[in-house]
């Protein structure tokens, strides 16, 4: 199968290879794999559903598909799964640490914002109280002046 310049094999390219009696015979000469499995192999390997797979995944997948199920092949599969699981665990741990750091930062900023808002509210309440007292004093003085004028 011919890969593109970026090392990717497209599904249509793979299907064209399988449609060629010459290439299909060559594949069957080296692999005891039913044609239908060769067709499905592409979809099994295209885990991202992008319609293309890289050459390394193709070769590895072809080898796995052609290998008989034995204790050795199952051990290889188990080992591969464990390695991938460990990589995923490591990435999850890193993401968890990042989320914790962001969460801590958000909590800190929330507390800072609450403190600033609390101070602002206290100042507003104090200013409101001062203006209320000033208004009461002005009203009282106005009442006294009116009372003097009326006399």
C-alpha atoms as a PDB file:
ATOM      1  CA  UNK A   1       0.000   0.000   0.000  1.00  0.00           C
ATOM      2  CA  UNK A   2       1.306   3.410  -0.893  1.00  0.00           C
ATOM      3  CA  UNK A   3       1.442   5.884   1.944  1.00  0.00           C
ATOM      4  CA  UNK A   4       1.129   9.608   1.372  1.00  0.00           C
ATOM      5  CA  UNK A   5       4.066  11.952   1.788  1.00  0.00           C
ATOM      6  CA  UNK A   6       3.196  12.476   5.461  1.00  0.00           C
ATOM      7  CA  UNK A   7       3.480   8.737   6.161  1.00  0.00           C
ATOM      8  CA  UNK A   8      -0.272   8.228   6.333  1.00  0.00           C
ATOM      9  CA  UNK A   9      -2.284   5.563   4.550  1.00  0.00           C
ATOM     10  CA  UNK A  10      -5.791   6.608   3.575  1.00  0.00           C
ATOM     11  CA  UNK A  11      -8.701   4.206   3.723  1.00  0.00           C
ATOM     12  CA  UNK A  12      -9.484   4.664   0.037  1.00  0.00           C
ATOM     13  CA  UNK A  13      -5.865   3.817  -0.870  1.00  0.00           C
ATOM     14  CA  UNK A  14      -6.073   0.642   1.217  1.00  0.00           C
ATOM     15  CA  UNK A  15      -9.371  -0.381  -0.366  1.00  0.00           C
ATOM     16  CA  UNK A  16      -7.876   0.179  -3.836  1.00  0.00           C
ATOM     17  CA  UNK A  17      -4.981  -2.148  -2.955  1.00  0.00           C
ATOM     18  CA  UNK A  18      -7.420  -4.805  -1.769  1.00  0.00           C
ATOM     19  CA  UNK A  19      -9.496  -4.365  -4.933  1.00  0.00           C
ATOM     20  CA  UNK A  20      -6.482  -5.278  -7.049  1.00  0.00           C
ATOM     21  CA  UNK A  21      -6.355  -9.058  -7.624  1.00  0.00           C
ATOM     22  CA  UNK A  22      -2.557  -8.832  -8.038  1.00  0.00           C
ATOM     23  CA  UNK A  23      -1.930  -7.087  -4.688  1.00  0.00           C
ATOM     24  CA  UNK A  24      -4.561  -9.126  -2.883  1.00  0.00           C
ATOM     25  CA  UNK A  25      -2.857 -12.342  -4.068  1.00  0.00           C
ATOM     26  CA  UNK A  26       0.520 -10.974  -2.860  1.00  0.00           C
ATOM     27  CA  UNK A  27      -0.983 -10.174   0.558  1.00  0.00           C
ATOM     28  CA  UNK A  28      -2.529 -13.640   0.794  1.00  0.00           C
ATOM     29  CA  UNK A  29       0.836 -15.187  -0.126  1.00  0.00           C
ATOM     30  CA  UNK A  30       2.387 -13.726   3.056  1.00  0.00           C
ATOM     31  CA  UNK A  31      -0.637 -13.618   5.334  1.00  0.00           C
ATOM     32  CA  UNK A  32      -3.278 -16.150   6.176  1.00  0.00           C
ATOM     33  CA  UNK A  33      -5.942 -13.491   6.745  1.00  0.00           C
ATOM     34  CA  UNK A  34      -9.442 -13.451   5.225  1.00  0.00           C
ATOM     35  CA  UNK A  35     -10.051 -10.548   2.844  1.00  0.00           C
ATOM     36  CA  UNK A  36     -12.940  -9.286   4.976  1.00  0.00           C
ATOM     37  CA  UNK A  37     -10.577  -8.981   7.964  1.00  0.00           C
ATOM     38  CA  UNK A  38      -8.117  -7.060   5.802  1.00  0.00           C
ATOM     39  CA  UNK A  39     -10.920  -4.638   4.917  1.00  0.00           C
ATOM     40  CA  UNK A  40     -11.968  -4.284   8.588  1.00  0.00           C
ATOM     41  CA  UNK A  41      -8.358  -3.979   9.750  1.00  0.00           C
ATOM     42  CA  UNK A  42      -8.214  -0.374   8.578  1.00  0.00           C
ATOM     43  CA  UNK A  43     -11.238   0.617  10.678  1.00  0.00           C
ATOM     44  CA  UNK A  44      -9.868  -1.247  13.687  1.00  0.00           C
ATOM     45  CA  UNK A  45      -6.592   0.654  13.423  1.00  0.00           C
ATOM     46  CA  UNK A  46      -8.155   4.053  12.660  1.00  0.00           C
ATOM     47  CA  UNK A  47      -8.978   4.706  16.320  1.00  0.00           C
ATOM     48  CA  UNK A  48      -9.299   8.490  15.759  1.00  0.00           C
ATOM     49  CA  UNK A  49     -11.721   7.942  12.856  1.00  0.00           C
ATOM     50  CA  UNK A  50      -9.728  10.366  10.673  1.00  0.00           C
ATOM     51  CA  UNK A  51      -9.770   8.107   7.622  1.00  0.00           C
ATOM     52  CA  UNK A  52      -6.024   7.543   7.711  1.00  0.00           C
ATOM     53  CA  UNK A  53      -3.458   5.608   9.729  1.00  0.00           C
ATOM     54  CA  UNK A  54       0.307   5.916   9.960  1.00  0.00           C
ATOM     55  CA  UNK A  55       2.638   3.319   8.481  1.00  0.00           C
ATOM     56  CA  UNK A  56       3.826   2.089  11.879  1.00  0.00           C
ATOM     57  CA  UNK A  57       0.280   1.356  13.055  1.00  0.00           C
ATOM     58  CA  UNK A  58      -0.497  -0.338   9.749  1.00  0.00           C
ATOM     59  CA  UNK A  59       2.523  -2.654   9.887  1.00  0.00           C
ATOM     60  CA  UNK A  60       1.961  -3.426  13.567  1.00  0.00           C
ATOM     61  CA  UNK A  61      -1.737  -4.097  12.996  1.00  0.00           C
ATOM     62  CA  UNK A  62      -1.023  -6.294   9.992  1.00  0.00           C
ATOM     63  CA  UNK A  63       1.452  -8.323  12.039  1.00  0.00           C
ATOM     64  CA  UNK A  64      -1.067  -8.730  14.867  1.00  0.00           C
ATOM     65  CA  UNK A  65      -3.814  -9.720  12.456  1.00  0.00           C
ATOM     66  CA  UNK A  66      -1.584 -12.320  10.799  1.00  0.00           C
ATOM     67  CA  UNK A  67      -0.246 -13.756  14.069  1.00  0.00           C
ATOM     68  CA  UNK A  68      -2.041 -16.842  15.395  1.00  0.00           C
ATOM     69  CA  UNK A  69      -3.526 -16.596  18.865  1.00  0.00           C
ATOM     70  CA  UNK A  70      -0.968 -18.138  21.190  1.00  0.00           C
ATOM     71  CA  UNK A  71       0.166 -17.626  24.730  1.00  0.00           C
ATOM     72  CA  UNK A  72       2.986 -15.517  23.344  1.00  0.00           C
ATOM     73  CA  UNK A  73       0.656 -13.262  21.346  1.00  0.00           C
ATOM     74  CA  UNK A  74      -1.664 -12.868  24.326  1.00  0.00           C
ATOM     75  CA  UNK A  75       1.303 -11.955  26.532  1.00  0.00           C
ATOM     76  CA  UNK A  76       2.416  -9.377  23.948  1.00  0.00           C
ATOM     77  CA  UNK A  77      -1.096  -7.958  23.911  1.00  0.00           C
ATOM     78  CA  UNK A  78      -1.300  -7.876  27.699  1.00  0.00           C
ATOM     79  CA  UNK A  79       2.075  -6.151  27.917  1.00  0.00           C
ATOM     80  CA  UNK A  80       1.104  -3.589  25.278  1.00  0.00           C
ATOM     81  CA  UNK A  81      -2.143  -2.870  27.111  1.00  0.00           C
ATOM     82  CA  UNK A  82      -0.303  -2.468  30.426  1.00  0.00           C
ATOM     83  CA  UNK A  83       2.193  -0.050  28.884  1.00  0.00           C
ATOM     84  CA  UNK A  84      -0.567   2.025  27.334  1.00  0.00           C
ATOM     85  CA  UNK A  85      -2.563   1.962  30.569  1.00  0.00           C
ATOM     86  CA  UNK A  86       0.493   3.168  32.505  1.00  0.00           C
ATOM     87  CA  UNK A  87       0.992   6.027  30.030  1.00  0.00           C
ATOM     88  CA  UNK A  88      -2.659   6.977  30.430  1.00  0.00           C
ATOM     89  CA  UNK A  89      -2.368   6.824  34.232  1.00  0.00           C
ATOM     90  CA  UNK A  90       0.665   9.104  34.086  1.00  0.00           C
ATOM     91  CA  UNK A  91      -1.191  11.595  31.888  1.00  0.00           C
ATOM     92  CA  UNK A  92      -4.239  11.452  34.157  1.00  0.00           C
ATOM     93  CA  UNK A  93      -2.015  12.102  37.190  1.00  0.00           C
ATOM     94  CA  UNK A  94      -0.491  15.118  35.457  1.00  0.00           C
ATOM     95  CA  UNK A  95      -3.934  16.417  34.497  1.00  0.00           C
ATOM     96  CA  UNK A  96      -5.166  15.867  38.047  1.00  0.00           C
ATOM     97  CA  UNK A  97      -2.217  17.907  39.374  1.00  0.00           C
ATOM     98  CA  UNK A  98      -2.977  20.685  36.881  1.00  0.00           C
ATOM     99  CA  UNK A  99      -6.658  20.698  37.828  1.00  0.00           C
ATOM    100  CA  UNK A 100      -5.727  20.845  41.527  1.00  0.00           C
ATOM    101  CA  UNK A 101      -3.388  23.783  40.865  1.00  0.00           C
ATOM    102  CA  UNK A 102      -6.055  25.624  38.900  1.00  0.00           C
ATOM    103  CA  UNK A 103      -8.646  24.864  41.576  1.00  0.00           C
ATOM    104  CA  UNK A 104      -6.355  26.200  44.306  1.00  0.00           C
ATOM    105  CA  UNK A 105      -5.700  29.321  42.261  1.00  0.00           C
ATOM    106  CA  UNK A 106      -9.415  29.848  41.638  1.00  0.00           C
ATOM    107  CA  UNK A 107     -10.209  29.446  45.344  1.00  0.00           C
ATOM    108  CA  UNK A 108      -7.470  31.926  46.263  1.00  0.00           C
ATOM    109  CA  UNK A 109      -8.702  34.475  43.715  1.00  0.00           C
ATOM    110  CA  UNK A 110     -12.291  33.984  44.897  1.00  0.00           C
ATOM    111  CA  UNK A 111     -11.236  34.656  48.485  1.00  0.00           C
ATOM    112  CA  UNK A 112      -9.294  37.746  47.370  1.00  0.00           C
ATOM    113  CA  UNK A 113     -12.301  39.003  45.400  1.00  0.00           C
ATOM    114  CA  UNK A 114     -14.604  38.390  48.378  1.00  0.00           C
ATOM    115  CA  UNK A 115     -12.237  40.352  50.638  1.00  0.00           C
ATOM    116  CA  UNK A 116     -12.097  43.296  48.198  1.00  0.00           C
ATOM    117  CA  UNK A 117     -15.871  43.256  47.774  1.00  0.00           C
ATOM    118  CA  UNK A 118     -16.375  43.037  51.536  1.00  0.00           C
ATOM    119  CA  UNK A 119     -14.127  46.065  52.062  1.00  0.00           C
ATOM    120  CA  UNK A 120     -15.945  47.974  49.335  1.00  0.00           C
ATOM    121  CA  UNK A 121     -19.317  47.072  50.861  1.00  0.00           C
ATOM    122  CA  UNK A 122     -18.143  48.230  54.308  1.00  0.00           C
ATOM    123  CA  UNK A 123     -16.997  51.544  52.844  1.00  0.00           C
ATOM    124  CA  UNK A 124     -20.302  51.969  51.005  1.00  0.00           C
ATOM    125  CA  UNK A 125     -22.261  51.203  54.173  1.00  0.00           C
ATOM    126  CA  UNK A 126     -20.119  53.645  56.187  1.00  0.00           C
ATOM    127  CA  UNK A 127     -20.538  56.353  53.544  1.00  0.00           C
ATOM    128  CA  UNK A 128     -24.279  55.669  53.364  1.00  0.00           C
ATOM    129  CA  UNK A 129     -24.523  56.005  57.149  1.00  0.00           C
ATOM    130  CA  UNK A 130     -22.471  59.233  57.089  1.00  0.00           C
ATOM    131  CA  UNK A 131     -24.699  60.695  54.356  1.00  0.00           C
ATOM    132  CA  UNK A 132     -27.840  59.638  56.283  1.00  0.00           C
ATOM    133  CA  UNK A 133     -26.572  61.377  59.398  1.00  0.00           C
ATOM    134  CA  UNK A 134     -25.613  64.437  57.358  1.00  0.00           C
ATOM    135  CA  UNK A 135     -29.085  64.510  55.786  1.00  0.00           C
ATOM    136  CA  UNK A 136     -30.731  64.198  59.223  1.00  0.00           C
ATOM    137  CA  UNK A 137     -28.564  67.019  60.523  1.00  0.00           C
ATOM    138  CA  UNK A 138     -29.417  69.163  57.491  1.00  0.00           C
ATOM    139  CA  UNK A 139     -33.123  68.406  57.915  1.00  0.00           C
ATOM    140  CA  UNK A 140     -32.888  69.249  61.584  1.00  0.00           C
ATOM    141  CA  UNK A 141     -31.107  72.530  60.842  1.00  0.00           C
ATOM    142  CA  UNK A 142     -33.652  73.316  58.126  1.00  0.00           C
ATOM    143  CA  UNK A 143     -36.474  72.680  60.590  1.00  0.00           C
ATOM    144  CA  UNK A 144     -34.813  75.015  63.119  1.00  0.00           C
ATOM    145  CA  UNK A 145     -34.365  77.756  60.490  1.00  0.00           C
ATOM    146  CA  UNK A 146     -38.004  77.428  59.418  1.00  0.00           C
ATOM    147  CA  UNK A 147     -39.114  77.587  63.013  1.00  0.00           C
ATOM    148  CA  UNK A 148     -37.090  80.803  63.520  1.00  0.00           C
ATOM    149  CA  UNK A 149     -38.490  82.325  60.340  1.00  0.00           C
ATOM    150  CA  UNK A 150     -42.042  81.530  61.360  1.00  0.00           C
ATOM    151  CA  UNK A 151     -41.628  83.292  64.701  1.00  0.00           C
END
